[in-house]
Protein backbone atom coordinates (compact mmCIF):
# COMPACT_ATOMS: atom_id res chain seq x y z
CA MET A 1 85.80 288.85 227.35
CA GLY A 2 88.24 290.98 225.64
CA PHE A 3 87.02 289.95 222.02
CA PHE A 4 83.61 290.46 222.88
CA ASP A 5 84.44 293.95 224.40
CA SER A 6 85.96 295.23 220.90
CA LEU A 7 82.77 293.30 219.03
CA LEU A 8 80.14 294.83 220.88
CA GLY A 9 81.91 299.00 221.42
CA LYS A 10 81.69 301.27 223.85
CA HIS A 11 78.03 302.16 223.18
CA ALA A 12 76.54 298.72 222.85
CA ARG A 13 78.07 297.83 226.39
CA LYS A 14 76.46 301.24 227.51
CA PHE A 15 73.61 300.30 226.26
CA LEU A 16 73.12 296.74 227.37
CA LYS A 17 73.79 298.33 230.91
CA ARG A 18 70.71 300.66 230.48
CA LYS A 19 68.51 298.27 229.15
CA ASP A 20 69.58 295.80 232.51
CA SER A 21 68.93 298.82 234.79
CA ASP A 22 65.27 299.55 233.00
CA ALA A 23 64.73 295.95 233.89
CA GLY A 24 65.70 296.12 237.50
CA GLU A 25 63.83 298.70 238.06
CA ALA A 26 60.36 297.33 235.69
CA GLY A 27 60.70 294.41 238.46
CA ARG A 28 61.17 296.84 241.38
CA ALA A 29 58.15 298.43 240.87
CA LEU A 30 56.30 295.48 239.66
CA GLU A 31 57.02 294.29 243.23
CA GLU A 32 56.39 297.04 245.02
CA LEU A 33 52.56 296.96 243.52
CA LYS A 34 52.37 293.69 244.56
CA SER A 35 53.01 294.89 248.09
CA SER A 36 51.11 297.58 248.36
CA LEU A 37 48.22 295.61 247.22
CA PHE A 38 48.95 292.87 250.23
CA ASN A 39 49.30 295.79 252.64
CA GLU A 40 46.29 297.22 251.27
CA LEU A 41 44.07 293.93 251.81
CA ARG A 42 45.51 292.78 254.77
CA THR A 43 43.19 296.17 256.49
CA SER A 44 39.53 296.07 256.94
CA GLU A 45 39.93 299.83 255.47
CA GLY A 46 42.19 299.13 252.43
CA ALA A 47 39.95 296.04 251.59
CA LYS A 48 36.86 298.11 251.86
CA ARG A 49 38.61 300.68 249.55
CA GLN A 50 39.94 298.26 247.16
CA GLN A 51 35.95 296.76 246.69
CA GLN A 52 34.60 300.31 246.53
CA ARG A 53 37.75 300.78 243.94
CA PHE A 54 36.47 297.46 241.62
CA CYS A 55 32.55 297.23 242.42
CA GLY A 56 31.08 300.14 242.39
CA PRO A 57 27.15 300.42 241.99
CA VAL A 58 27.09 299.30 238.13
CA VAL A 59 29.47 296.39 238.98
CA ALA A 60 28.00 295.23 241.65
CA LEU A 61 24.40 295.40 240.13
CA THR A 62 25.28 293.85 237.11
CA PHE A 63 27.48 291.05 238.50
CA ASN A 64 23.96 290.60 240.82
CA PHE A 65 21.44 290.61 237.80
CA MET A 66 23.35 288.00 236.01
CA VAL A 67 23.57 285.92 238.79
CA ALA A 68 20.14 286.09 239.88
CA VAL A 69 18.87 285.04 236.68
CA GLY A 70 21.95 281.96 236.09
CA ILE A 71 20.14 280.44 239.97
CA ILE A 72 16.77 281.04 238.98
CA MET A 73 17.02 278.41 235.85
CA ALA A 74 19.48 276.17 238.45
CA ASN A 75 16.97 275.95 241.06
CA LYS A 76 14.39 274.91 238.31
CA LEU A 77 16.19 272.30 237.17
CA VAL A 78 16.46 271.06 240.50
CA MET A 79 13.23 271.59 241.92
CA GLY A 80 11.77 270.73 238.65
CA LYS A 81 13.81 268.24 236.59
CA VAL A 82 16.03 266.74 239.21
CA GLY A 83 13.02 266.46 241.71
CA PHE A 84 14.89 267.85 244.59
CA ASN A 85 11.52 269.22 246.70
CA PHE A 86 14.02 270.43 250.17
CA PRO A 87 14.17 273.60 249.80
CA ILE A 88 15.57 274.32 253.12
CA LEU A 89 18.30 271.36 252.67
CA LEU A 90 19.22 273.20 249.05
CA THR A 91 19.53 276.73 250.86
CA LEU A 92 21.30 274.26 253.67
CA ILE A 93 23.91 273.16 250.85
CA HIS A 94 24.49 276.82 249.46
CA TYR A 95 25.67 278.48 252.31
CA THR A 96 27.74 275.40 253.53
CA THR A 97 29.69 275.27 249.95
CA ALA A 98 29.56 279.14 250.78
CA TRP A 99 31.65 278.55 253.91
CA LEU A 100 33.93 276.22 252.74
CA LEU A 101 34.88 277.82 249.58
CA LEU A 102 35.70 281.15 252.36
CA ALA A 103 37.82 278.79 254.31
CA ILE A 104 39.77 278.32 251.06
CA PHE A 105 39.79 281.74 250.38
CA ARG A 106 41.55 282.15 254.55
CA ALA A 107 43.90 279.29 253.65
CA LEU A 108 45.41 281.24 250.38
CA SER A 109 45.07 284.33 252.58
CA ILE A 110 42.91 286.27 250.16
CA LEU A 111 40.09 286.71 252.30
CA PRO A 112 40.08 290.34 253.24
CA ILE A 113 40.41 290.96 257.00
CA SER A 114 37.54 291.97 259.05
CA PRO A 115 37.45 294.44 261.22
CA PRO A 116 38.24 294.54 264.65
CA SER A 117 35.46 292.82 267.09
CA LYS A 118 35.24 295.97 269.04
CA THR A 119 33.30 298.05 266.01
CA THR A 120 30.88 295.56 265.47
CA PRO A 121 28.84 294.06 268.36
CA PHE A 122 28.59 290.03 267.85
CA SER A 123 24.67 290.63 268.32
CA SER A 124 24.66 292.57 265.32
CA LEU A 125 26.58 289.85 263.18
CA PHE A 126 24.44 287.21 264.95
CA SER A 127 21.58 289.03 264.20
CA LEU A 128 22.45 289.41 260.34
CA GLY A 129 23.12 285.59 260.35
CA ALA A 130 19.86 284.59 261.96
CA VAL A 131 17.69 287.26 259.69
CA MET A 132 19.75 286.19 256.88
CA ALA A 133 18.74 282.18 257.24
CA PHE A 134 14.91 283.14 258.00
CA ALA A 135 15.35 285.40 254.15
CA SER A 136 16.86 282.25 252.34
CA GLY A 137 15.48 279.36 254.07
CA LEU A 138 11.47 281.37 253.58
CA ALA A 139 11.96 282.31 250.00
CA ASN A 140 12.90 279.01 248.68
CA THR A 141 9.85 277.70 250.82
CA SER A 142 7.56 280.12 249.55
CA LEU A 143 8.94 279.31 245.89
CA LYS A 144 8.16 275.78 246.55
CA HIS A 145 4.36 275.68 247.65
CA ASN A 146 3.57 279.16 245.23
CA SER A 147 2.83 280.15 241.73
CA VAL A 148 6.23 282.48 240.42
CA GLY A 149 3.71 285.63 240.48
CA PHE A 150 2.33 285.13 244.05
CA TYR A 151 6.24 285.18 245.11
CA GLN A 152 6.83 288.00 242.96
CA MET A 153 3.45 289.83 244.83
CA SER A 154 4.87 289.04 248.43
CA LYS A 155 7.75 290.64 247.21
CA ILE A 156 6.20 293.77 245.95
CA ALA A 157 5.38 294.28 249.98
CA VAL A 158 9.59 294.21 251.13
CA THR A 159 9.74 297.70 249.60
CA PRO A 160 7.31 299.41 251.65
CA THR A 161 8.81 297.28 254.70
CA ILE A 162 12.34 298.74 254.21
CA VAL A 163 10.93 302.34 253.84
CA ILE A 164 9.39 301.83 257.19
CA ALA A 165 11.67 299.90 259.28
CA GLU A 166 14.82 302.33 257.92
CA PHE A 167 11.98 305.43 259.39
CA ILE A 168 11.45 303.05 262.32
CA LEU A 169 15.14 302.03 263.18
CA PHE A 170 17.04 305.21 261.95
CA ARG A 171 15.01 307.56 261.09
CA LYS A 172 16.02 307.36 257.73
CA THR A 173 13.43 309.54 255.04
CA ILE A 174 12.88 309.88 251.12
CA SER A 175 11.35 312.01 249.28
CA SER A 176 8.25 311.74 247.83
CA GLN A 177 9.08 311.87 244.87
CA LYS A 178 11.04 308.39 245.61
CA VAL A 179 7.83 307.36 247.21
CA LEU A 180 5.82 307.91 244.16
CA ALA A 181 8.14 305.97 241.79
CA LEU A 182 8.37 303.17 244.01
CA ALA A 183 4.51 302.96 244.17
CA VAL A 184 4.73 303.18 240.12
CA VAL A 185 7.31 300.32 240.13
CA SER A 186 4.77 298.17 242.60
CA ALA A 187 2.07 298.77 240.61
CA GLY A 188 3.50 298.05 237.65
CA VAL A 189 5.12 294.54 238.57
CA ALA A 190 1.93 293.83 240.31
CA ILE A 191 -0.12 294.00 237.05
CA ALA A 192 2.54 292.59 235.43
CA THR A 193 2.53 289.03 237.82
CA VAL A 194 -1.69 289.37 238.34
CA THR A 195 -1.85 286.53 235.85
CA ASP A 196 -0.58 283.96 237.86
CA LEU A 197 -1.91 283.93 241.51
CA GLU A 198 -1.68 280.06 242.64
CA PHE A 199 -1.11 279.61 246.50
CA ASN A 200 -2.25 277.44 249.06
CA LEU A 201 -2.91 278.51 253.21
CA PHE A 202 0.40 277.61 253.68
CA GLY A 203 2.34 279.12 250.70
CA ALA A 204 0.54 282.41 251.92
CA LEU A 205 1.95 282.10 255.35
CA VAL A 206 4.77 281.57 254.66
CA ALA A 207 5.22 284.64 252.05
CA ILE A 208 3.66 286.43 254.96
CA ALA A 209 6.25 285.79 257.34
CA TRP A 210 9.28 285.47 254.65
CA ILE A 211 8.29 289.58 254.35
CA ILE A 212 10.13 290.74 257.49
CA PRO A 213 12.82 288.62 257.44
CA SER A 214 13.70 289.57 253.92
CA ALA A 215 13.73 293.62 254.59
CA ILE A 216 15.51 293.77 258.09
CA ASN A 217 18.49 291.22 256.08
CA LYS A 218 18.78 294.04 253.13
CA ILE A 219 19.14 296.66 255.89
CA LEU A 220 21.45 295.06 257.68
CA TRP A 221 23.79 293.73 254.92
CA SER A 222 23.62 298.03 253.46
CA ARG A 223 23.98 298.93 256.95
CA LEU A 224 27.03 296.95 257.91
CA GLN A 225 29.32 297.55 255.06
CA GLN A 226 28.36 301.09 254.56
CA GLN A 227 28.48 302.70 258.19
CA GLY A 228 31.68 300.27 259.05
CA ASN A 229 35.40 298.82 257.50
CA TRP A 230 33.32 295.39 256.47
CA THR A 231 33.89 294.08 253.00
CA ALA A 232 31.15 291.57 251.74
CA LEU A 233 33.37 288.19 251.90
CA ALA A 234 34.55 289.76 255.78
CA LEU A 235 31.03 289.91 256.68
CA MET A 236 30.09 286.81 254.65
CA TRP A 237 32.64 284.75 256.91
CA LYS A 238 31.50 285.82 260.22
CA THR A 239 27.71 285.36 259.47
CA THR A 240 27.33 282.11 257.34
CA PRO A 241 27.76 279.97 260.37
CA VAL A 242 25.29 281.38 262.54
CA THR A 243 22.78 281.24 259.09
CA ILE A 244 23.87 277.52 258.60
CA PHE A 245 23.13 276.78 262.29
CA PHE A 246 19.46 278.45 262.28
CA LEU A 247 18.91 276.47 258.33
CA LEU A 248 19.59 273.04 260.60
CA ALA A 249 17.07 273.67 262.98
CA LEU A 250 14.77 275.18 260.12
CA MET A 251 14.73 271.88 258.38
CA PRO A 252 13.06 269.64 260.54
CA TRP A 253 10.05 271.88 260.94
CA LEU A 254 9.78 273.30 256.58
CA ASP A 255 11.15 270.36 254.61
CA PRO A 256 9.16 267.39 254.20
CA PRO A 257 10.42 263.94 254.73
CA GLY A 258 11.96 261.65 252.47
CA ILE A 259 15.72 263.10 251.94
CA LEU A 260 17.24 259.68 252.28
CA SER A 261 15.16 258.39 249.43
CA PHE A 262 16.06 260.70 246.89
CA LYS A 263 18.62 259.59 244.71
CA TRP A 264 22.45 260.87 244.61
CA ASP A 265 23.40 259.96 241.16
CA LEU A 266 26.26 262.08 239.39
CA SER A 267 23.38 264.11 237.62
CA ASN A 268 21.73 264.84 240.01
CA SER A 269 24.39 265.65 242.48
CA THR A 270 26.17 268.20 239.75
CA ALA A 271 23.21 270.17 238.78
CA ILE A 272 22.73 270.68 242.69
CA LEU A 273 26.78 271.43 242.76
CA ILE A 274 25.95 273.80 240.31
CA SER A 275 23.44 275.26 242.31
CA ALA A 276 25.24 275.66 245.50
CA ALA A 277 28.02 277.43 243.16
CA LEU A 278 25.59 279.64 241.67
CA GLY A 279 24.03 280.54 245.35
CA PHE A 280 27.68 281.80 246.81
CA LEU A 281 27.70 284.17 244.06
CA LEU A 282 23.96 284.98 244.09
CA GLN A 283 25.15 285.32 248.22
CA TRP A 284 28.28 287.84 247.17
CA SER A 285 26.93 290.18 244.25
CA GLY A 286 23.66 290.78 246.75
CA ALA A 287 26.36 291.52 249.31
CA LEU A 288 28.61 293.60 247.02
CA ALA A 289 24.86 295.46 245.80
CA LEU A 290 24.04 296.25 248.90
CA GLY A 291 27.00 297.83 249.91
CA ALA A 292 27.44 300.03 246.79
CA THR A 293 23.61 301.07 246.73
CA SER A 294 20.95 300.33 249.25
CA ALA A 295 18.48 298.38 250.40
CA THR A 296 15.47 299.54 248.57
CA SER A 297 17.88 299.71 244.95
CA HIS A 298 18.63 296.40 245.76
CA VAL A 299 14.70 295.42 245.67
CA VAL A 300 13.95 297.25 242.52
CA LEU A 301 16.81 295.10 240.35
CA GLY A 302 14.73 292.47 241.74
CA GLN A 303 11.86 293.77 240.24
CA PHE A 304 13.65 294.47 237.47
CA LYS A 305 14.33 291.08 236.62
CA THR A 306 10.95 290.17 236.44
CA CYS A 307 9.95 292.56 234.02
CA VAL A 308 13.23 291.73 231.83
CA ILE A 309 12.45 288.09 232.44
CA LEU A 310 8.98 288.28 230.91
CA LEU A 311 9.34 290.75 228.36
CA GLY A 312 12.48 288.93 227.30
CA GLY A 313 10.54 285.79 226.74
CA TYR A 314 8.02 287.69 224.66
CA PHE A 315 10.60 289.07 222.64
CA ILE A 316 12.75 286.27 222.36
CA PHE A 317 10.95 283.05 222.64
CA ASN A 318 7.62 284.27 220.95
CA SER A 319 5.89 283.58 224.71
CA ASP A 320 2.47 285.25 225.05
CA PRO A 321 1.96 286.42 228.94
CA GLY A 322 -1.12 289.01 227.93
CA PHE A 323 -1.44 292.31 227.06
CA VAL A 324 -1.97 293.55 230.61
CA SER A 325 1.20 291.98 231.38
CA ILE A 326 3.43 293.59 228.78
CA CYS A 327 2.01 297.06 230.01
CA GLY A 328 2.56 296.87 233.96
CA ALA A 329 5.90 295.33 233.14
CA ILE A 330 6.45 298.41 231.03
CA THR A 331 4.69 300.70 233.69
CA ALA A 332 7.08 299.19 236.13
CA LEU A 333 10.32 299.87 233.72
CA ILE A 334 9.67 303.06 234.07
CA GLY A 335 9.38 303.55 237.42
CA MET A 336 12.44 302.12 237.95
CA SER A 337 13.62 304.45 235.41
CA VAL A 338 12.67 307.89 237.66
CA TYR A 339 13.62 306.29 240.66
CA THR A 340 17.25 305.52 239.31
CA SER A 341 17.21 309.41 237.40
CA LEU A 342 16.80 310.28 241.08
CA ASN A 343 19.12 308.36 243.04
CA LEU A 344 21.65 309.97 240.53
CA GLN A 345 20.78 312.96 240.90
CA GLU A 346 21.02 312.74 244.95
CA SER A 347 24.31 311.75 244.53
CA SER A 348 25.65 314.28 242.04
CA GLU A 349 24.14 316.90 244.31
CA SER A 350 25.74 315.01 247.47
CA SER A 351 29.09 315.64 245.83
CA SER A 352 29.24 318.84 244.44
CA LYS A 353 28.61 319.62 248.59
CA GLN A 354 31.20 317.76 249.78
CA LEU A 355 33.79 319.40 247.09
CA PRO A 356 35.75 322.25 248.43
CA ASN A 357 34.53 325.74 247.99
CA PRO A 358 37.44 327.71 245.55
CA VAL A 359 39.14 330.34 247.26
CA LYS A 360 38.56 333.87 245.92
CA PRO A 361 41.51 335.86 244.74
CA LYS A 362 41.83 338.65 247.11
CA ASP A 363 41.41 342.05 244.41
CA LYS A 364 44.03 344.84 244.47
CA GLU A 365 41.89 347.56 247.14
CA SER A 366 41.97 344.62 249.91
CA THR A 367 45.20 343.97 249.61
CA GLU A 368 46.62 347.78 250.04
CA LEU A 369 43.83 347.60 253.01
CA ASP A 370 45.50 344.84 254.58
CA ILE A 371 48.77 346.72 253.82
CA LYS A 372 48.10 349.51 255.60
CA ASP A 373 46.09 347.36 258.32
CA SER A 374 49.53 345.75 259.04
CA ALA A 375 51.24 348.81 258.68
CA ASN A 376 49.30 350.10 261.17
CA VAL A 377 49.62 347.20 263.84
CA VAL A 378 53.12 347.65 263.57
C-alpha cells in the first residue's frame, strides 16, 4: 500500500477521493430523482401533474392523430381483406386487450393511482363505461353498414350535439366567433365527403343512434380529467370493465351470426391483434387529448384527420376525389385554423389574468406621508 501511495503522490490521492465523492453524489441524486418520481406517481395529484407535464395539448393531439390514421388502415384490413365482419366483437377484443394491458401495468406498479372513491361517484364512472360501449360499438357498426362519406357526415352532427349538451348540463357557452368557425368546418367536411353517401335504413338508424352517446362520451372523458385528479390510464382502468359488460350485451343484437365459422389462422389472428393493440393506443391517446383540450376540439381533430387523408391521397397518391371535395377540405382546414387561433387567444388571455399584479413601488411623497402618519399615531 505504501508503494502505491508513494507512486501516486498526495495530490493524486486527493483527486481520486474527490472523484469517488462526485460519483457518490451523482448516484445519490439519481436515486433521489427515482424516488421522487415514484412517489409522484403514487398519488393521483402527482400522476395528474406528470401527465400534464409530458402530454400537453400538442403532444396528445398529435399522438391521437397518428394512432387514428393507423387504426383506420388496420380496421380496413381486418374487415376487408381478412373478412372479420363482426364490429361489436372487434370492439370487444379491443377493450379486452386494453384491460389486460392495464392489468399488467397494475401488476408492475406503473399504473397511476386513482383518486379517492368519495371524490367521484360510482355512477359517473358507470355512466362513462356504458356510454363508451355504445359510442365505440355503434361507430364500428355504422362504418360497416354505411360508406365512409356517410359515416363522416354523421360525425358532423356530433359537434352541435356537444355544444348543446354542455350548455344544458353545465351551462357552458362558446363565443359567436367559435360557432362561426365550427360552422365553416362542418360545411367544409360536408362538401368534401358529399360524393360518397351510400347507406341503408339500418345503417342510417345506427348512425343516428351513435351521435348522442359519442358526444356524451367525449364530454365525460374531458370533464372527469379536468375537474378531478384522474389520469387517462387510471380512468381507463376503472371504466373498461363496464364497457366490456355492455359490449357483451350488444353483441348478440348487432353482430351477424357465424363467428364460430371464422378462420382463426395465424395471419388473421395477427391482423386482429395488431388492430387490438392500436385500439388500446387509440383509447389512451383519445383520453389524453380529451383531458388536455376539450370535447369540441377532439371532434375538430377527427375532421382534420378526414381532410388530411383526402388531400394526402390527392397530392401523394394522385387520387382524384373531385374539385368540389378538394375545395370543401381546404375550406374546413381554414375553419380549423381560425378555431385553433381563437382557442390559443383565449388560453393566453386566461393565463395572463392568473398572473399576480406587480406591486408598484411607493414614491418619495407617499413614503414621507406614511412616516408622518406613523409618527402621529405614536
